[in-house]
Protein backbone atom coordinates (compact mmCIF):
# COMPACT_ATOMS: atom_id res chain seq x y z
CA UNK A 1 48.01 22.89 -56.95
CA UNK A 2 49.52 25.59 -55.07
CA UNK A 3 48.35 25.85 -51.61
CA UNK A 4 49.21 29.35 -50.15
CA UNK A 5 47.68 30.93 -46.70
CA UNK A 6 47.80 34.12 -46.79
CA UNK A 7 50.78 35.64 -43.76
CA UNK A 8 48.73 38.69 -42.99
CA UNK A 9 45.70 36.56 -41.59
CA UNK A 10 45.19 35.56 -38.26
CA UNK A 11 44.31 37.05 -34.84
CA UNK A 12 44.93 40.57 -34.11
CA UNK A 13 46.69 41.97 -30.93
CA UNK A 14 43.58 42.47 -28.76
CA UNK A 15 42.41 38.51 -29.50
CA UNK A 16 46.01 37.13 -29.07
CA UNK A 17 46.07 39.02 -26.10
CA UNK A 18 42.16 37.84 -24.37
CA UNK A 19 43.73 34.56 -25.62
CA UNK A 20 46.47 34.33 -24.32
CA UNK A 21 45.69 35.76 -20.67
CA UNK A 22 43.22 32.97 -20.68
CA UNK A 23 45.71 30.75 -21.76
CA UNK A 24 48.10 31.85 -18.22
CA UNK A 25 44.97 31.82 -15.87
CA UNK A 26 44.19 28.35 -16.83
CA UNK A 27 47.58 27.19 -16.63
CA UNK A 28 47.35 28.33 -12.98
CA UNK A 29 43.76 27.65 -12.03
CA UNK A 30 42.47 25.18 -14.49
CA UNK A 31 38.97 26.87 -14.56
CA UNK A 32 38.56 29.83 -16.15
CA UNK A 33 35.00 32.01 -16.56
CA UNK A 34 34.99 33.95 -20.04
CA UNK A 35 31.72 37.03 -20.09
CA UNK A 36 30.75 35.41 -24.03
CA UNK A 37 32.67 33.67 -26.44
CA UNK A 38 36.36 35.14 -25.89
CA UNK A 39 36.14 35.41 -29.57
CA UNK A 40 33.62 34.92 -32.92
CA UNK A 41 35.09 31.42 -33.49
CA UNK A 42 34.06 28.11 -32.55
CA UNK A 43 36.58 26.14 -33.33
CA UNK A 44 39.02 28.35 -30.79
CA UNK A 45 36.25 28.50 -28.33
CA UNK A 46 36.31 24.62 -27.92
CA UNK A 47 40.00 24.33 -28.18
CA UNK A 48 40.43 26.21 -25.18
CA UNK A 49 36.83 24.83 -23.43
CA UNK A 50 38.72 21.64 -23.22
CA UNK A 51 41.34 23.06 -20.92
CA UNK A 52 38.90 24.73 -18.65
CA UNK A 53 37.32 27.75 -20.22
CA UNK A 54 34.12 28.27 -19.17
CA UNK A 55 31.55 30.89 -21.17
CA UNK A 56 28.98 32.23 -19.27
CA UNK A 57 26.41 35.07 -19.86
CA UNK A 58 25.14 38.52 -18.05
CA UNK A 59 22.50 36.33 -16.16
CA UNK A 60 24.98 33.50 -14.85
CA UNK A 61 27.81 35.96 -13.74
CA UNK A 62 25.01 36.69 -11.23
CA UNK A 63 25.71 33.13 -9.34
CA UNK A 64 29.72 33.46 -9.90
CA UNK A 65 30.12 36.22 -6.60
CA UNK A 66 33.99 35.53 -5.53
CA UNK A 67 34.84 33.37 -8.79
CA UNK A 68 37.37 35.04 -11.25
CA UNK A 69 35.77 36.16 -14.59
CA UNK A 70 37.61 37.05 -18.11
CA UNK A 71 36.57 40.29 -19.99
CA UNK A 72 37.19 39.23 -24.06
CA UNK A 73 38.63 41.78 -26.31
CA UNK A 74 35.52 43.47 -27.08
CA UNK A 75 34.85 45.37 -23.76
CA UNK A 76 31.90 45.48 -21.44
CA UNK A 77 29.89 48.18 -20.05
CA UNK A 78 30.27 50.07 -16.68
CA UNK A 79 27.88 48.22 -15.30
CA UNK A 80 29.65 44.54 -15.70
CA UNK A 81 32.00 46.43 -13.23
CA UNK A 82 30.02 47.55 -10.59
CA UNK A 83 27.93 43.97 -10.64
CA UNK A 84 31.45 41.80 -10.30
CA UNK A 85 31.98 44.18 -7.49
CA UNK A 86 28.95 43.91 -5.45
CA UNK A 87 29.10 39.97 -5.96
CA UNK A 88 32.87 40.08 -5.41
CA UNK A 89 34.59 38.61 -8.56
CA UNK A 90 37.83 39.16 -9.78
CA UNK A 91 37.50 40.57 -12.62
CA UNK A 92 40.92 39.57 -15.85
CA UNK A 93 40.22 42.19 -18.00
CA UNK A 94 41.49 41.38 -21.42
CA UNK A 95 39.54 44.39 -23.00
CA UNK A 96 41.48 45.53 -26.33
CA UNK A 97 43.78 48.67 -25.87
CA UNK A 98 41.88 49.88 -29.06
CA UNK A 99 38.18 49.27 -27.42
CA UNK A 100 39.30 50.57 -24.04
CA UNK A 101 40.25 54.37 -26.14
CA UNK A 102 37.39 53.96 -27.77
CA UNK A 103 35.34 53.75 -24.64
CA UNK A 104 37.44 56.80 -22.57
CA UNK A 105 36.98 58.84 -26.29
CA UNK A 106 33.17 58.32 -26.56
CA UNK A 107 32.51 58.84 -22.30
CA UNK A 108 34.37 61.64 -22.86
CA UNK A 109 32.22 63.30 -25.52
CA UNK A 110 28.63 62.24 -24.21
CA UNK A 111 29.86 64.48 -21.08
CA UNK A 112 30.54 67.06 -23.01
CA UNK A 113 27.45 66.50 -25.29
CA UNK A 114 25.56 66.38 -22.26
CA UNK A 115 26.49 70.21 -21.31
CA UNK A 116 25.61 71.56 -24.56
CA UNK A 117 22.44 73.61 -25.16
CA UNK A 118 20.11 71.32 -25.73
CA UNK A 119 22.07 68.71 -25.07
CA UNK A 120 23.89 66.74 -28.15
CA UNK A 121 24.03 63.45 -28.71
CA UNK A 122 27.03 60.51 -29.25
CA UNK A 123 26.01 58.23 -32.36
CA UNK A 124 27.74 54.82 -33.34
CA UNK A 125 28.14 53.51 -36.71
CA UNK A 126 28.16 49.32 -35.55
CA UNK A 127 26.14 46.18 -35.26
CA UNK A 128 23.58 46.72 -32.86
CA UNK A 129 23.74 43.77 -30.04
CA UNK A 130 27.90 43.02 -30.81
CA UNK A 131 29.40 42.97 -27.39
CA UNK A 132 31.48 45.86 -28.61
CA UNK A 133 28.44 47.97 -29.29
CA UNK A 134 27.07 47.92 -25.94
CA UNK A 135 30.31 48.32 -24.02
CA UNK A 136 30.94 51.46 -26.10
CA UNK A 137 26.53 52.44 -25.37
CA UNK A 138 27.09 52.03 -21.64
CA UNK A 139 29.41 54.86 -21.63
CA UNK A 140 26.47 57.21 -22.73
CA UNK A 141 24.05 55.37 -19.74
CA UNK A 142 22.92 53.73 -23.06
CA UNK A 143 21.41 56.97 -24.53
CA UNK A 144 23.89 56.82 -28.41
CA UNK A 145 22.09 56.25 -30.90
CA UNK A 146 23.25 52.97 -33.30
CA UNK A 147 23.96 53.37 -36.33
CA UNK A 148 24.43 50.04 -38.97
CA UNK A 149 24.29 51.88 -42.56
CA UNK A 150 24.80 55.37 -44.34
CA UNK A 151 21.99 55.87 -44.77
CA UNK A 152 20.28 54.70 -41.58
CA UNK A 153 19.94 58.44 -40.54
CA UNK A 154 16.40 58.59 -39.60
CA UNK A 155 17.25 58.20 -35.71
CA UNK A 156 19.89 61.01 -35.95
CA UNK A 157 18.14 64.95 -35.00
CA UNK A 158 20.96 67.56 -37.30
CA UNK A 159 19.14 70.40 -34.95
CA UNK A 160 21.01 69.05 -31.87
CA UNK A 161 25.37 68.30 -32.27
CA UNK A 162 26.58 65.03 -32.50
CA UNK A 163 29.61 63.32 -32.17
CA UNK A 164 30.21 60.35 -34.36
CA UNK A 165 32.02 57.46 -33.63
CA UNK A 166 32.81 54.12 -35.25
CA UNK A 167 33.05 50.65 -33.91
CA UNK A 168 36.22 49.60 -34.87
CA UNK A 169 35.77 46.51 -36.82
CA UNK A 170 33.40 48.43 -39.49
CA UNK A 171 33.87 49.18 -43.17
CA UNK A 172 36.31 52.30 -43.25
CA UNK A 173 34.54 53.17 -46.63
CA UNK A 174 30.56 52.54 -45.06
CA UNK A 175 31.43 54.93 -42.36
CA UNK A 176 33.01 57.34 -44.79
CA UNK A 177 30.05 57.69 -46.58
CA UNK A 178 28.14 58.37 -43.01
CA UNK A 179 29.78 60.81 -42.69
CA UNK A 180 28.90 62.75 -46.11
CA UNK A 181 25.01 61.74 -45.09
CA UNK A 182 25.02 63.84 -41.56
CA UNK A 183 26.84 66.39 -43.63
CA UNK A 184 24.01 66.64 -45.93
CA UNK A 185 21.21 66.27 -43.40
CA UNK A 186 23.15 69.10 -41.17
CA UNK A 187 23.51 71.00 -44.58
CA UNK A 188 19.97 70.72 -44.93
CA UNK A 189 18.87 72.09 -41.58
CA UNK A 190 21.25 75.01 -41.13
CA UNK A 191 22.16 76.27 -44.52
CA UNK A 192 25.65 75.10 -43.48
CA UNK A 193 27.66 73.30 -41.60
CA UNK A 194 28.18 75.60 -38.26
CA UNK A 195 31.23 74.67 -36.83
CA UNK A 196 31.28 72.06 -34.01
CA UNK A 197 28.00 71.57 -34.44
CA UNK A 198 29.21 67.91 -36.09
CA UNK A 199 32.24 65.82 -35.54
CA UNK A 200 33.03 62.92 -36.83
CA UNK A 201 36.36 60.55 -34.82
CA UNK A 202 38.29 57.98 -37.15
CA UNK A 203 37.74 55.22 -34.67
CA UNK A 204 38.36 52.11 -36.56
CA UNK A 205 41.34 49.84 -35.91
CA UNK A 206 44.11 50.74 -38.52
CA UNK A 207 44.74 46.51 -38.39
CA UNK A 208 41.47 46.18 -40.07
CA UNK A 209 41.40 49.03 -42.48
CA UNK A 210 45.31 47.43 -43.65
CA UNK A 211 43.85 44.29 -43.88
CA UNK A 212 41.06 44.92 -46.65
CA UNK A 213 43.92 46.26 -48.66
CA UNK A 214 45.95 43.52 -48.09
CA UNK A 215 43.36 41.07 -48.81
CA UNK A 216 42.58 42.50 -52.24
CA UNK A 217 46.42 42.00 -53.17
CA UNK A 218 46.14 38.78 -52.16
CA UNK A 219 43.02 37.86 -53.41
CA UNK A 220 44.32 38.48 -57.08
CA UNK A 221 46.74 35.80 -56.96
CA UNK A 222 45.68 32.95 -56.92
CA UNK A 223 42.17 31.26 -58.30
CA UNK A 224 39.89 30.45 -55.39
CA UNK A 225 40.15 31.91 -51.75
CA UNK A 226 39.05 30.02 -49.28
CA UNK A 227 38.23 32.92 -46.53
CA UNK A 228 37.58 30.99 -42.66
CA UNK A 229 35.93 32.19 -40.26
CA UNK A 230 33.80 32.42 -37.58
CA UNK A 231 29.57 33.35 -38.86
CA UNK A 232 29.41 35.44 -35.80
CA UNK A 233 32.71 37.82 -36.48
CA UNK A 234 31.34 41.01 -38.10
CA UNK A 235 35.15 41.78 -38.75
CA UNK A 236 34.72 38.17 -40.95
CA UNK A 237 31.87 38.90 -43.02
CA UNK A 238 33.27 42.34 -43.69
CA UNK A 239 36.42 41.12 -45.17
CA UNK A 240 34.82 38.15 -46.76
CA UNK A 241 32.42 40.58 -48.76
CA UNK A 242 35.23 42.72 -49.38
CA UNK A 243 37.38 39.61 -50.95
CA UNK A 244 34.36 38.22 -52.91
CA UNK A 245 34.72 41.46 -54.78
CA UNK A 246 37.92 41.44 -55.75
CA UNK A 247 37.57 37.55 -56.30
CA UNK A 248 34.21 36.49 -57.12
CA UNK A 249 35.45 32.93 -56.74
CA UNK A 250 35.73 33.23 -52.52
CA UNK A 251 34.55 30.38 -50.36
CA UNK A 252 33.23 31.59 -46.61
CA UNK A 253 33.91 27.87 -44.46
CA UNK A 254 33.63 27.93 -40.63
CA UNK A 255 36.10 24.86 -40.42
CA UNK A 256 37.51 21.59 -42.66
CA UNK A 257 34.17 19.72 -42.56
CA UNK A 258 32.31 21.99 -44.64
CA UNK A 259 35.18 21.67 -47.53
CA UNK A 260 33.32 20.32 -51.09
CA UNK A 261 35.87 18.82 -53.92
CA UNK A 262 34.16 20.30 -56.47
CA UNK A 263 35.91 23.63 -55.60
CA UNK A 264 38.71 23.10 -56.70
CA UNK A 265 38.71 21.36 -60.55
CA UNK A 266 40.74 22.03 -62.35
CA UNK A 267 42.34 24.57 -59.66
CA UNK A 268 45.90 25.68 -59.44
CA UNK A 269 46.38 28.52 -57.56
CA UNK A 270 44.10 28.28 -53.75
CA UNK A 271 44.36 30.69 -50.91
CA UNK A 272 43.77 30.50 -47.79
CA UNK A 273 43.00 33.51 -45.49
CA UNK A 274 40.70 34.48 -42.04
CA UNK A 275 39.39 37.50 -39.85
CA UNK A 276 41.21 39.00 -37.20
CA UNK A 277 38.71 36.35 -35.44
CA UNK A 278 40.39 33.41 -37.32
CA UNK A 279 43.05 30.81 -35.53
CA UNK A 280 46.39 30.04 -37.24
CA UNK A 281 46.03 26.49 -36.45
CA UNK A 282 42.39 26.30 -37.72
CA UNK A 283 43.94 28.38 -41.27
CA UNK A 284 46.38 25.49 -41.82
CA UNK A 285 44.15 22.88 -40.79
CA UNK A 286 42.05 23.96 -44.04
CA UNK A 287 44.96 23.49 -46.06
CA UNK A 288 45.74 19.99 -44.62
CA UNK A 289 42.01 18.78 -45.44
CA UNK A 290 42.54 20.85 -49.06
CA UNK A 291 45.69 18.26 -49.41
CA UNK A 292 44.04 14.90 -48.31
């Protein structure tokens, strides 16, 4: 049996930056608080916990006056920064540059829409409650409309100006369909698309978009794909489903303990890949688990 680990799989730049920042702080101080899981992968979270990283939630932030707290790659809403300033908390900001740029674009769009008559709408294509989406909605003072599916447009008022953005890890295909659905809704209302009434911005991370193409080629070259990902990873869910469409014999596993020997009976080529939140060392551990 030949086992191949996908060279294109593993942490994206934003996650690498956040974890590297955390490791530097831990090497210096020994303990660091992190607002939420630093990455949606329990194995990597546990590795860093053993080095002194302590995961907290927003409620626990209240009791950390004067401490140092890491903001992970997903980013945070403006209210978190205000709260930290009031408490004298030193924030170590590891927000992904792509997410930070998107936050700034949404804030600009929100202020622009606020000046329209009638007032316009900011619409975000993303997973409700996801850490990144919470941070993005914060740029609109909580007024953004979050759409999680292309046909989920009932909350949008097609008679008011619309600015559409996407969570960075969403499906490009689904986002394109959402754009078409909104355009159809506007045309139904006006009979055409009025200039400037609806603007959709390309805010999906190119690493995520390119991964789908790379993953398709990788999946075609093996008999079984093991997709290694944390269950809470939005990017992992999207890429796993995409991979399964290409290679039906795709299995989703969080770690070595979920492997089943019957998956490999009579199999010659096994491919191991993962989400942008999956560490390389974990994929290597899965490969060793298969071999043993």
